[in-house]
Amino acid sequence: MLQIQPVSELRNYNKVLEKVKKNSPVFLTKNGYGKFALVDIEEYDEFTTVLDLINKLKKAEGSKHYNFDDIKGELFS
């Protein structure tokens, strides 16, 4: 279940932070619109690691690819 609260709830931030757990972020709204997400630090670390990997894969996808058989043939001929 999504935990959505107005940013004004941060006046009592300990109460809000107690609700933040792994796989259970708290979303804060400002003027009725989603503005912030509070996530567990381990979950954030996993997210940034996966995002970095995806970016590296996208970069590699656009780079030159080599055929192993062609390289093997050049090395051993």
N, C-alpha and C. Protein backbone atom coordinates (compact mmCIF):
# COMPACT_ATOMS: atom_id res chain seq x y z
N MET A 1 0.85 -1.18 0.00
CA MET A 1 0.00 0.00 0.00
C MET A 1 0.89 1.24 0.00
N LEU A 2 0.58 2.18 -0.87
CA LEU A 2 1.34 3.43 -0.94
C LEU A 2 1.13 4.27 0.31
N GLN A 3 2.22 4.83 0.77
CA GLN A 3 2.15 5.75 1.90
C GLN A 3 2.37 7.16 1.36
N ILE A 4 1.31 7.92 1.29
CA ILE A 4 1.36 9.28 0.75
C ILE A 4 0.94 10.24 1.84
N GLN A 5 1.80 11.24 2.07
CA GLN A 5 1.51 12.22 3.10
C GLN A 5 1.90 13.60 2.62
N PRO A 6 1.26 14.63 3.15
CA PRO A 6 1.67 15.99 2.79
C PRO A 6 3.02 16.32 3.41
N VAL A 7 3.79 17.14 2.76
CA VAL A 7 5.11 17.51 3.25
C VAL A 7 5.04 18.19 4.62
N SER A 8 3.92 18.77 4.94
CA SER A 8 3.75 19.41 6.25
C SER A 8 3.87 18.41 7.40
N GLU A 9 3.70 17.11 7.11
CA GLU A 9 3.85 16.08 8.13
C GLU A 9 5.28 16.00 8.65
N LEU A 10 6.22 16.61 7.92
CA LEU A 10 7.61 16.57 8.36
C LEU A 10 7.85 17.41 9.61
N ARG A 11 6.84 18.17 10.02
CA ARG A 11 6.98 18.88 11.30
C ARG A 11 7.26 17.87 12.42
N ASN A 12 6.67 16.71 12.28
CA ASN A 12 6.92 15.62 13.21
C ASN A 12 7.65 14.53 12.41
N TYR A 13 8.89 14.86 12.02
CA TYR A 13 9.61 14.00 11.09
C TYR A 13 9.91 12.60 11.63
N ASN A 14 10.07 12.46 12.92
CA ASN A 14 10.33 11.12 13.47
C ASN A 14 9.17 10.16 13.17
N LYS A 15 7.97 10.66 13.25
CA LYS A 15 6.78 9.84 12.96
C LYS A 15 6.78 9.40 11.50
N VAL A 16 7.17 10.32 10.61
CA VAL A 16 7.22 10.00 9.18
C VAL A 16 8.35 9.02 8.90
N LEU A 17 9.52 9.27 9.47
CA LEU A 17 10.68 8.42 9.20
C LEU A 17 10.50 7.00 9.71
N GLU A 18 9.73 6.81 10.76
CA GLU A 18 9.46 5.46 11.27
C GLU A 18 8.72 4.61 10.24
N LYS A 19 8.00 5.26 9.34
CA LYS A 19 7.22 4.54 8.33
C LYS A 19 8.07 4.11 7.13
N VAL A 20 9.25 4.71 6.97
CA VAL A 20 10.11 4.40 5.84
C VAL A 20 10.84 3.09 6.12
N LYS A 21 10.59 2.12 5.27
CA LYS A 21 11.24 0.81 5.38
C LYS A 21 11.62 0.35 3.98
N LYS A 22 12.47 -0.67 3.93
CA LYS A 22 12.85 -1.20 2.62
C LYS A 22 11.60 -1.70 1.91
N ASN A 23 11.48 -1.37 0.65
CA ASN A 23 10.33 -1.69 -0.20
C ASN A 23 9.04 -1.03 0.29
N SER A 24 9.17 0.00 1.08
CA SER A 24 8.00 0.73 1.57
C SER A 24 8.34 2.21 1.73
N PRO A 25 8.53 2.91 0.60
CA PRO A 25 8.87 4.33 0.69
C PRO A 25 7.67 5.17 1.14
N VAL A 26 7.96 6.37 1.57
CA VAL A 26 6.91 7.33 1.90
C VAL A 26 7.00 8.44 0.86
N PHE A 27 5.88 8.74 0.22
CA PHE A 27 5.82 9.79 -0.78
C PHE A 27 5.21 11.03 -0.15
N LEU A 28 5.87 12.16 -0.39
CA LEU A 28 5.39 13.42 0.17
C LEU A 28 4.83 14.30 -0.94
N THR A 29 3.72 14.94 -0.64
CA THR A 29 3.10 15.84 -1.61
C THR A 29 3.28 17.28 -1.17
N LYS A 30 3.30 18.16 -2.15
CA LYS A 30 3.35 19.60 -1.89
C LYS A 30 2.29 20.23 -2.77
N ASN A 31 1.38 20.94 -2.14
CA ASN A 31 0.25 21.54 -2.85
C ASN A 31 -0.57 20.49 -3.60
N GLY A 32 -0.65 19.30 -3.03
CA GLY A 32 -1.48 18.26 -3.61
C GLY A 32 -0.82 17.43 -4.71
N TYR A 33 0.43 17.72 -5.02
CA TYR A 33 1.13 17.00 -6.09
C TYR A 33 2.35 16.27 -5.52
N GLY A 34 2.64 15.10 -6.06
CA GLY A 34 3.81 14.35 -5.62
C GLY A 34 5.08 15.15 -5.81
N LYS A 35 5.90 15.21 -4.79
CA LYS A 35 7.10 16.04 -4.86
C LYS A 35 8.37 15.30 -4.40
N PHE A 36 8.25 14.49 -3.34
CA PHE A 36 9.42 13.85 -2.76
C PHE A 36 9.13 12.38 -2.45
N ALA A 37 10.22 11.60 -2.38
CA ALA A 37 10.11 10.21 -1.96
C ALA A 37 11.18 9.94 -0.92
N LEU A 38 10.78 9.39 0.19
CA LEU A 38 11.72 8.99 1.25
C LEU A 38 11.88 7.49 1.15
N VAL A 39 13.13 7.05 0.92
CA VAL A 39 13.39 5.62 0.75
C VAL A 39 14.48 5.17 1.70
N ASP A 40 14.47 3.90 2.03
CA ASP A 40 15.50 3.28 2.84
C ASP A 40 16.83 3.40 2.11
N ILE A 41 17.92 3.66 2.83
CA ILE A 41 19.23 3.89 2.21
C ILE A 41 19.71 2.68 1.43
N GLU A 42 19.44 1.46 1.90
CA GLU A 42 19.84 0.26 1.16
C GLU A 42 19.10 0.18 -0.17
N GLU A 43 17.83 0.51 -0.14
CA GLU A 43 17.02 0.50 -1.37
C GLU A 43 17.54 1.56 -2.35
N TYR A 44 17.90 2.71 -1.83
CA TYR A 44 18.45 3.78 -2.67
C TYR A 44 19.76 3.31 -3.30
N ASP A 45 20.63 2.67 -2.53
CA ASP A 45 21.90 2.18 -3.03
C ASP A 45 21.67 1.15 -4.14
N GLU A 46 20.74 0.23 -3.94
CA GLU A 46 20.41 -0.76 -4.97
C GLU A 46 19.91 -0.07 -6.24
N PHE A 47 19.06 0.93 -6.07
CA PHE A 47 18.50 1.67 -7.20
C PHE A 47 19.61 2.34 -8.00
N THR A 48 20.52 3.05 -7.32
CA THR A 48 21.58 3.75 -8.03
C THR A 48 22.55 2.77 -8.70
N THR A 49 22.80 1.62 -8.07
CA THR A 49 23.67 0.61 -8.67
C THR A 49 23.05 0.06 -9.96
N VAL A 50 21.78 -0.25 -9.91
CA VAL A 50 21.09 -0.78 -11.09
C VAL A 50 21.03 0.29 -12.19
N LEU A 51 20.76 1.52 -11.82
CA LEU A 51 20.70 2.60 -12.80
C LEU A 51 22.05 2.80 -13.47
N ASP A 52 23.13 2.72 -12.70
CA ASP A 52 24.48 2.84 -13.26
C ASP A 52 24.74 1.70 -14.24
N LEU A 53 24.35 0.49 -13.88
CA LEU A 53 24.54 -0.67 -14.76
C LEU A 53 23.75 -0.49 -16.07
N ILE A 54 22.53 -0.04 -15.97
CA ILE A 54 21.70 0.18 -17.17
C ILE A 54 22.35 1.22 -18.08
N ASN A 55 22.85 2.29 -17.49
CA ASN A 55 23.52 3.32 -18.30
C ASN A 55 24.77 2.78 -18.98
N LYS A 56 25.54 1.95 -18.29
CA LYS A 56 26.73 1.33 -18.90
C LYS A 56 26.33 0.39 -20.03
N LEU A 57 25.25 -0.37 -19.85
CA LEU A 57 24.79 -1.27 -20.91
C LEU A 57 24.31 -0.49 -22.12
N LYS A 58 23.61 0.61 -21.90
CA LYS A 58 23.16 1.44 -23.03
C LYS A 58 24.35 2.02 -23.78
N LYS A 59 25.36 2.46 -23.03
CA LYS A 59 26.56 3.01 -23.67
C LYS A 59 27.27 1.93 -24.47
N ALA A 60 27.40 0.73 -23.91
CA ALA A 60 28.06 -0.37 -24.60
C ALA A 60 27.28 -0.79 -25.84
N GLU A 61 25.97 -0.72 -25.76
CA GLU A 61 25.13 -1.10 -26.89
C GLU A 61 25.39 -0.21 -28.09
N GLY A 62 25.72 1.04 -27.85
CA GLY A 62 25.97 1.98 -28.95
C GLY A 62 27.40 1.97 -29.44
N SER A 63 28.28 1.23 -28.79
CA SER A 63 29.69 1.21 -29.20
C SER A 63 29.92 0.12 -30.25
N LYS A 64 31.15 0.13 -30.81
CA LYS A 64 31.50 -0.85 -31.83
C LYS A 64 31.56 -2.25 -31.24
N HIS A 65 31.02 -3.21 -31.99
CA HIS A 65 31.03 -4.61 -31.54
C HIS A 65 32.00 -5.39 -32.41
N TYR A 66 32.64 -6.36 -31.81
CA TYR A 66 33.60 -7.19 -32.52
C TYR A 66 33.09 -8.63 -32.58
N ASN A 67 33.37 -9.27 -33.68
CA ASN A 67 33.02 -10.66 -33.87
C ASN A 67 34.18 -11.51 -33.33
N PHE A 68 33.89 -12.38 -32.39
CA PHE A 68 34.94 -13.19 -31.77
C PHE A 68 35.68 -14.04 -32.79
N ASP A 69 34.97 -14.62 -33.75
CA ASP A 69 35.63 -15.47 -34.75
C ASP A 69 36.61 -14.67 -35.60
N ASP A 70 36.27 -13.41 -35.92
CA ASP A 70 37.19 -12.56 -36.69
C ASP A 70 38.45 -12.24 -35.89
N ILE A 71 38.27 -11.95 -34.62
CA ILE A 71 39.42 -11.63 -33.76
C ILE A 71 40.30 -12.87 -33.59
N LYS A 72 39.67 -14.00 -33.35
CA LYS A 72 40.41 -15.26 -33.18
C LYS A 72 41.22 -15.56 -34.45
N GLY A 73 40.59 -15.33 -35.60
CA GLY A 73 41.28 -15.58 -36.86
C GLY A 73 42.48 -14.67 -37.04
N GLU A 74 42.38 -13.42 -36.64
CA GLU A 74 43.50 -12.48 -36.75
C GLU A 74 44.62 -12.86 -35.77
N LEU A 75 44.26 -13.32 -34.61
CA LEU A 75 45.28 -13.64 -33.61
C LEU A 75 46.06 -14.90 -33.93
N PHE A 76 45.39 -15.87 -34.49
CA PHE A 76 46.01 -17.18 -34.71
C PHE A 76 46.33 -17.47 -36.16
N SER A 77 46.33 -16.48 -37.02
CA SER A 77 46.68 -16.74 -38.43
C SER A 77 48.07 -16.27 -38.75
